[in-house]
Amino acid sequence: MFTRSILALAVVLGISSSALAADATPAWNEIMAQKKLTACVVPSYQPYSAKDASGSWSGFAVEMAKDVAKSLRVDLEFVETSFKTVVLDIQSGKCNVFFGFNATPERALAIDFAGPLYTLGFGALDRPGFVPKGDHWADLNDPSIRVCYAVGNSSEQQIKRFAPKSTQVALPKSDDCALAIMSGRADRYIDGVMASMGARAKNSKLGPLHLMTPNYALPSYAGVRLDDGRFQKFLQRWVEYNRGNGNINYWLTSSMESIGIKPESIPPEVTF
């Protein structure tokens, strides 16, 4: 992956990832000087984030960014990213923060994190006519089963770990995986539960939601640049406050409801 390339280059040059950012202005100073917070968002990834025809953004990651900017008393700008490039986008200063991905040890070598924002398991959607052996991760560990994931998504790590023998269909975007199972290019598409439910809300032709078991729920964080840590410390306090008083849960559930996912339709096994 690209993070490995960046870190490998740093090793060759004899410098650390923190040294790579040493000459950069700390995010806190940059935000305060410009009076602007820049948040990376993935387009068409409901209920996390989505942009309509007028250019307006919606989704719970968008609501979180809005509240952080409000707390900082600064303006807010959104910049498009992808799961494949978001670490580099944060590290390079293209954006100050990204809400909603896993703090893997590899990523922690390149960027910093605040959280967790919430904890979430994985859901699956199947191509029409596909009858899975079951919904255990081990049931997918078969070369005859084509499993789709978006490159850089947390589902990629889980599939490679628990179903390494499956035929893996790695595509740039989650929307591509939804199209892949509809066209028969893949048998099963795996993503976080909320993203799986979001994909199904966008396309009624997609089949029922399957919850992967065991439920290896992973915590999701806000990612920030490695620097003097001032912005990360602020964001950590923001997360603790808003998770404790229920705001984060409200942003999650209300964003899901805005795309047609009613609270009562969320499986009882799904907790945030």
Protein backbone atom coordinates (compact mmCIF):
# COMPACT_ATOMS: atom_id res chain seq x y z
CA MET A 1 0.00 0.00 0.00
CA PHE A 2 1.02 3.63 -0.36
CA THR A 3 1.65 4.01 3.40
CA ARG A 4 4.23 1.23 3.17
CA SER A 5 5.92 3.05 0.30
CA ILE A 6 6.07 6.29 2.27
CA LEU A 7 7.45 4.57 5.36
CA ALA A 8 9.90 2.51 3.32
CA LEU A 9 11.23 5.69 1.73
CA ALA A 10 11.62 7.23 5.17
CA VAL A 11 13.65 4.22 6.33
CA VAL A 12 15.90 4.40 3.26
CA LEU A 13 16.54 8.07 3.92
CA GLY A 14 17.13 7.44 7.62
CA ILE A 15 14.25 9.58 8.85
CA SER A 16 11.01 8.89 10.71
CA SER A 17 7.48 9.77 9.65
CA SER A 18 7.41 12.40 12.41
CA ALA A 19 10.57 13.92 10.96
CA LEU A 20 8.87 14.08 7.58
CA ALA A 21 6.31 16.45 9.15
CA ALA A 22 8.81 18.33 11.31
CA ASP A 23 9.11 21.26 8.92
CA ALA A 24 5.34 21.54 8.46
CA THR A 25 3.35 24.07 10.44
CA PRO A 26 1.46 22.26 13.23
CA ALA A 27 -2.19 21.73 12.33
CA TRP A 28 -3.41 23.79 15.29
CA ASN A 29 -1.32 26.80 14.26
CA GLU A 30 -2.41 26.42 10.64
CA ILE A 31 -6.11 26.22 11.51
CA MET A 32 -5.95 29.20 13.85
CA ALA A 33 -3.90 31.32 11.47
CA GLN A 34 -6.19 30.64 8.51
CA LYS A 35 -9.37 30.57 10.64
CA LYS A 36 -10.34 27.48 8.66
CA LEU A 37 -10.64 23.76 9.29
CA THR A 38 -10.21 21.52 6.25
CA ALA A 39 -11.85 18.11 6.47
CA CYS A 40 -11.30 15.24 4.07
CA VAL A 41 -14.49 13.43 3.03
CA VAL A 42 -15.23 10.47 0.78
CA PRO A 43 -17.88 11.32 -1.84
CA SER A 44 -20.92 9.07 -2.27
CA TYR A 45 -20.28 7.09 0.90
CA GLN A 46 -23.57 7.28 2.75
CA PRO A 47 -24.30 7.67 5.61
CA TYR A 48 -20.73 8.89 6.26
CA SER A 49 -20.61 11.58 3.61
CA ALA A 50 -22.19 12.44 0.28
CA LYS A 51 -22.32 15.45 -2.02
CA ASP A 52 -25.49 16.39 -3.88
CA ALA A 53 -25.84 18.02 -7.30
CA SER A 54 -25.60 21.50 -5.78
CA GLY A 55 -22.29 20.67 -4.10
CA SER A 56 -23.70 20.49 -0.57
CA TRP A 57 -22.32 17.81 1.75
CA SER A 58 -24.31 15.65 4.16
CA GLY A 59 -23.65 12.67 6.44
CA PHE A 60 -22.48 12.08 9.98
CA ALA A 61 -18.81 12.72 9.20
CA VAL A 62 -19.91 16.07 7.77
CA GLU A 63 -21.89 16.86 10.93
CA MET A 64 -18.88 16.03 13.08
CA ALA A 65 -16.65 18.31 11.02
CA LYS A 66 -19.21 21.11 11.29
CA ASP A 67 -19.32 20.80 15.07
CA VAL A 68 -15.54 20.77 15.39
CA ALA A 69 -15.29 23.92 13.25
CA LYS A 70 -18.02 25.55 15.35
CA SER A 71 -16.15 24.66 18.56
CA LEU A 72 -12.95 26.13 17.13
CA ARG A 73 -14.85 29.20 15.87
CA VAL A 74 -13.41 28.82 12.38
CA ASP A 75 -14.75 28.29 8.86
CA LEU A 76 -15.00 24.83 7.33
CA GLU A 77 -13.87 23.49 3.97
CA PHE A 78 -14.38 19.98 2.60
CA VAL A 79 -11.83 18.24 0.37
CA GLU A 80 -12.56 15.00 -1.45
CA THR A 81 -10.42 11.97 -0.67
CA SER A 82 -10.51 8.17 -0.92
CA PHE A 83 -9.63 5.39 1.50
CA LYS A 84 -6.59 4.71 -0.66
CA THR A 85 -5.21 8.26 -0.39
CA VAL A 86 -6.58 9.66 2.87
CA VAL A 87 -3.49 8.92 4.99
CA LEU A 88 -1.24 10.68 2.48
CA ASP A 89 -3.76 13.55 2.22
CA ILE A 90 -3.60 14.08 5.99
CA GLN A 91 0.16 13.66 6.13
CA SER A 92 0.75 16.11 3.29
CA GLY A 93 -1.53 18.76 4.80
CA LYS A 94 -4.23 18.55 2.12
CA CYS A 95 -6.69 18.33 5.01
CA ASN A 96 -6.55 18.64 8.79
CA VAL A 97 -8.85 15.79 9.75
CA PHE A 98 -10.76 12.76 8.51
CA PHE A 99 -13.58 11.21 10.53
CA GLY A 100 -14.25 7.50 10.62
CA PHE A 101 -11.46 5.04 10.00
CA ASN A 102 -9.47 2.48 11.95
CA ALA A 103 -6.27 3.34 13.78
CA THR A 104 -4.19 0.45 12.48
CA PRO A 105 -0.60 0.14 13.72
CA GLU A 106 0.60 0.83 10.16
CA ARG A 107 -1.42 4.04 9.93
CA ALA A 108 -0.24 5.10 13.39
CA LEU A 109 3.30 5.20 12.03
CA ALA A 110 2.23 7.92 9.60
CA ILE A 111 -0.54 9.93 11.30
CA ASP A 112 -2.14 10.48 14.72
CA PHE A 113 -5.65 9.71 15.97
CA ALA A 114 -8.36 10.94 18.34
CA GLY A 115 -11.14 8.72 19.58
CA PRO A 116 -12.64 6.26 19.35
CA LEU A 117 -15.68 7.93 17.82
CA TYR A 118 -17.66 4.68 17.74
CA THR A 119 -17.20 0.93 17.35
CA LEU A 120 -18.69 -1.00 14.47
CA GLY A 121 -18.72 -4.48 12.96
CA PHE A 122 -18.94 -5.56 9.34
CA GLY A 123 -21.87 -6.20 7.04
CA ALA A 124 -22.15 -7.98 3.71
CA LEU A 125 -24.33 -7.77 0.60
CA ASP A 126 -24.56 -10.56 -1.99
CA ARG A 127 -25.07 -10.75 -5.73
CA PRO A 128 -28.53 -11.94 -6.81
CA GLY A 129 -28.64 -15.74 -6.78
CA PHE A 130 -25.57 -16.22 -4.59
CA VAL A 131 -26.22 -18.60 -1.70
CA PRO A 132 -23.42 -18.28 0.87
CA LYS A 133 -22.28 -21.19 3.00
CA GLY A 134 -22.86 -18.95 5.99
CA ASP A 135 -21.93 -15.58 7.44
CA HIS A 136 -18.78 -16.65 9.27
CA TRP A 137 -15.55 -15.14 8.02
CA ALA A 138 -14.24 -18.68 7.52
CA ASP A 139 -17.10 -19.39 5.10
CA LEU A 140 -15.50 -16.96 2.66
CA ASN A 141 -12.09 -18.60 2.75
CA ASP A 142 -12.59 -20.35 -0.56
CA PRO A 143 -11.10 -19.48 -3.99
CA SER A 144 -14.51 -20.01 -5.60
CA ILE A 145 -15.97 -17.08 -3.65
CA ARG A 146 -15.28 -13.60 -5.04
CA VAL A 147 -15.23 -11.01 -2.25
CA CYS A 148 -15.23 -7.30 -3.04
CA TYR A 149 -13.86 -4.44 -0.92
CA ALA A 150 -12.85 -0.82 -1.48
CA VAL A 151 -9.07 -0.40 -1.42
CA GLY A 152 -7.95 1.07 1.92
CA ASN A 153 -11.24 0.29 3.64
CA SER A 154 -11.06 -1.53 6.98
CA SER A 155 -12.84 -4.48 5.38
CA GLU A 156 -9.70 -5.08 3.29
CA GLN A 157 -7.70 -5.92 6.42
CA GLN A 158 -10.38 -8.27 7.73
CA ILE A 159 -10.78 -10.15 4.44
CA LYS A 160 -7.03 -10.59 4.01
CA ARG A 161 -6.75 -11.85 7.57
CA PHE A 162 -9.77 -14.14 7.85
CA ALA A 163 -10.44 -15.15 4.23
CA PRO A 164 -7.04 -15.07 2.53
CA LYS A 165 -7.95 -17.89 0.14
CA SER A 166 -11.00 -16.07 -1.25
CA THR A 167 -10.78 -14.48 -4.68
CA GLN A 168 -10.45 -10.83 -3.72
CA VAL A 169 -11.92 -8.14 -5.94
CA ALA A 170 -10.26 -4.87 -4.91
CA LEU A 171 -11.93 -1.78 -6.38
CA PRO A 172 -11.37 1.97 -5.86
CA LYS A 173 -14.75 2.83 -4.31
CA SER A 174 -17.52 1.21 -2.32
CA ASP A 175 -19.99 2.14 -5.06
CA ASP A 176 -17.86 0.05 -7.43
CA CYS A 177 -18.34 -2.98 -5.20
CA ALA A 178 -22.12 -2.48 -5.15
CA LEU A 179 -22.07 -2.43 -8.95
CA ALA A 180 -19.80 -5.47 -9.01
CA ILE A 181 -22.24 -7.68 -7.13
CA MET A 182 -25.15 -6.42 -9.23
CA SER A 183 -23.28 -7.22 -12.46
CA GLY A 184 -22.08 -10.61 -11.22
CA ARG A 185 -18.41 -9.62 -11.10
CA ALA A 186 -18.31 -10.40 -7.36
CA ASP A 187 -20.32 -12.66 -5.06
CA ARG A 188 -20.15 -10.72 -1.81
CA TYR A 189 -19.35 -7.11 -0.92
CA ILE A 190 -18.12 -6.44 2.62
CA ASP A 191 -17.97 -3.07 4.35
CA GLY A 192 -18.67 -1.54 7.74
CA VAL A 193 -22.26 -2.17 8.83
CA MET A 194 -23.34 1.45 8.34
CA ALA A 195 -21.81 1.64 4.86
CA SER A 196 -23.42 -1.69 3.92
CA MET A 197 -26.80 -0.41 5.07
CA GLY A 198 -26.15 2.85 3.23
CA ALA A 199 -25.39 1.01 -0.02
CA ARG A 200 -28.59 -0.98 0.34
CA ALA A 201 -30.59 2.20 1.00
CA LYS A 202 -29.24 3.67 -2.25
CA ASN A 203 -30.10 0.58 -4.31
CA SER A 204 -33.22 -1.36 -3.38
CA LYS A 205 -32.18 -4.18 -5.73
CA LEU A 206 -29.34 -5.16 -3.42
CA GLY A 207 -30.18 -8.15 -1.27
CA PRO A 208 -30.58 -8.38 2.50
CA LEU A 209 -27.88 -7.33 4.94
CA HIS A 210 -25.73 -10.08 6.41
CA LEU A 211 -23.75 -9.49 9.61
CA MET A 212 -20.32 -11.10 9.56
CA THR A 213 -19.48 -13.35 12.50
CA PRO A 214 -17.64 -13.50 14.77
CA ASN A 215 -18.45 -9.83 15.21
CA TYR A 216 -14.97 -8.38 15.06
CA ALA A 217 -16.09 -4.82 15.77
CA LEU A 218 -13.32 -2.27 15.28
CA PRO A 219 -13.14 1.23 16.80
CA SER A 220 -13.22 4.15 14.37
CA TYR A 221 -11.22 7.32 14.93
CA ALA A 222 -10.58 10.79 13.62
CA GLY A 223 -7.23 10.93 11.84
CA VAL A 224 -4.92 13.96 12.08
CA ARG A 225 -1.37 14.85 11.13
CA LEU A 226 1.54 13.86 13.36
CA ASP A 227 2.91 17.13 14.71
CA ASP A 228 3.17 18.85 18.12
CA GLY A 229 -0.12 17.25 19.16
CA ARG A 230 -2.08 20.40 20.09
CA PHE A 231 -4.89 19.76 17.59
CA GLN A 232 -5.00 16.05 18.45
CA LYS A 233 -5.40 16.86 22.14
CA PHE A 234 -8.25 19.27 21.41
CA LEU A 235 -9.94 16.71 19.17
CA GLN A 236 -9.57 13.99 21.81
CA ARG A 237 -11.40 16.16 24.34
CA TRP A 238 -14.04 16.93 21.69
CA VAL A 239 -14.59 13.21 21.05
CA GLU A 240 -14.88 12.35 24.74
CA TYR A 241 -17.38 15.15 25.35
CA ASN A 242 -19.59 14.44 22.33
CA ARG A 243 -19.55 10.68 22.73
CA GLY A 244 -20.36 11.00 26.42
CA ASN A 245 -23.35 13.30 25.93
CA GLY A 246 -24.82 11.31 23.03
CA ASN A 247 -24.11 13.75 20.19
CA ILE A 248 -22.07 11.27 18.16
CA ASN A 249 -24.77 8.61 18.46
CA TYR A 250 -27.34 11.22 17.37
CA TRP A 251 -25.29 12.22 14.31
CA LEU A 252 -24.90 8.57 13.35
CA THR A 253 -28.55 7.59 13.68
CA SER A 254 -29.99 10.80 12.22
CA SER A 255 -27.72 10.54 9.16
CA MET A 256 -28.85 6.96 8.67
CA GLU A 257 -32.48 7.98 9.01
CA SER A 258 -32.00 10.77 6.45
CA ILE A 259 -31.30 8.14 3.77
CA GLY A 260 -34.20 5.91 4.80
CA ILE A 261 -32.61 3.69 7.45
CA LYS A 262 -35.07 3.83 10.33
CA PRO A 263 -33.77 3.17 13.87
CA GLU A 264 -36.05 0.15 14.18
CA SER A 265 -34.52 -1.39 11.03
CA ILE A 266 -31.01 -1.40 12.53
CA PRO A 267 -30.26 -4.97 13.68
CA PRO A 268 -30.15 -5.26 17.51
CA GLU A 269 -26.65 -6.73 17.25
CA VAL A 270 -25.40 -3.42 15.82
CA THR A 271 -24.18 -1.04 18.50
CA PHE A 272 -22.14 2.14 18.19
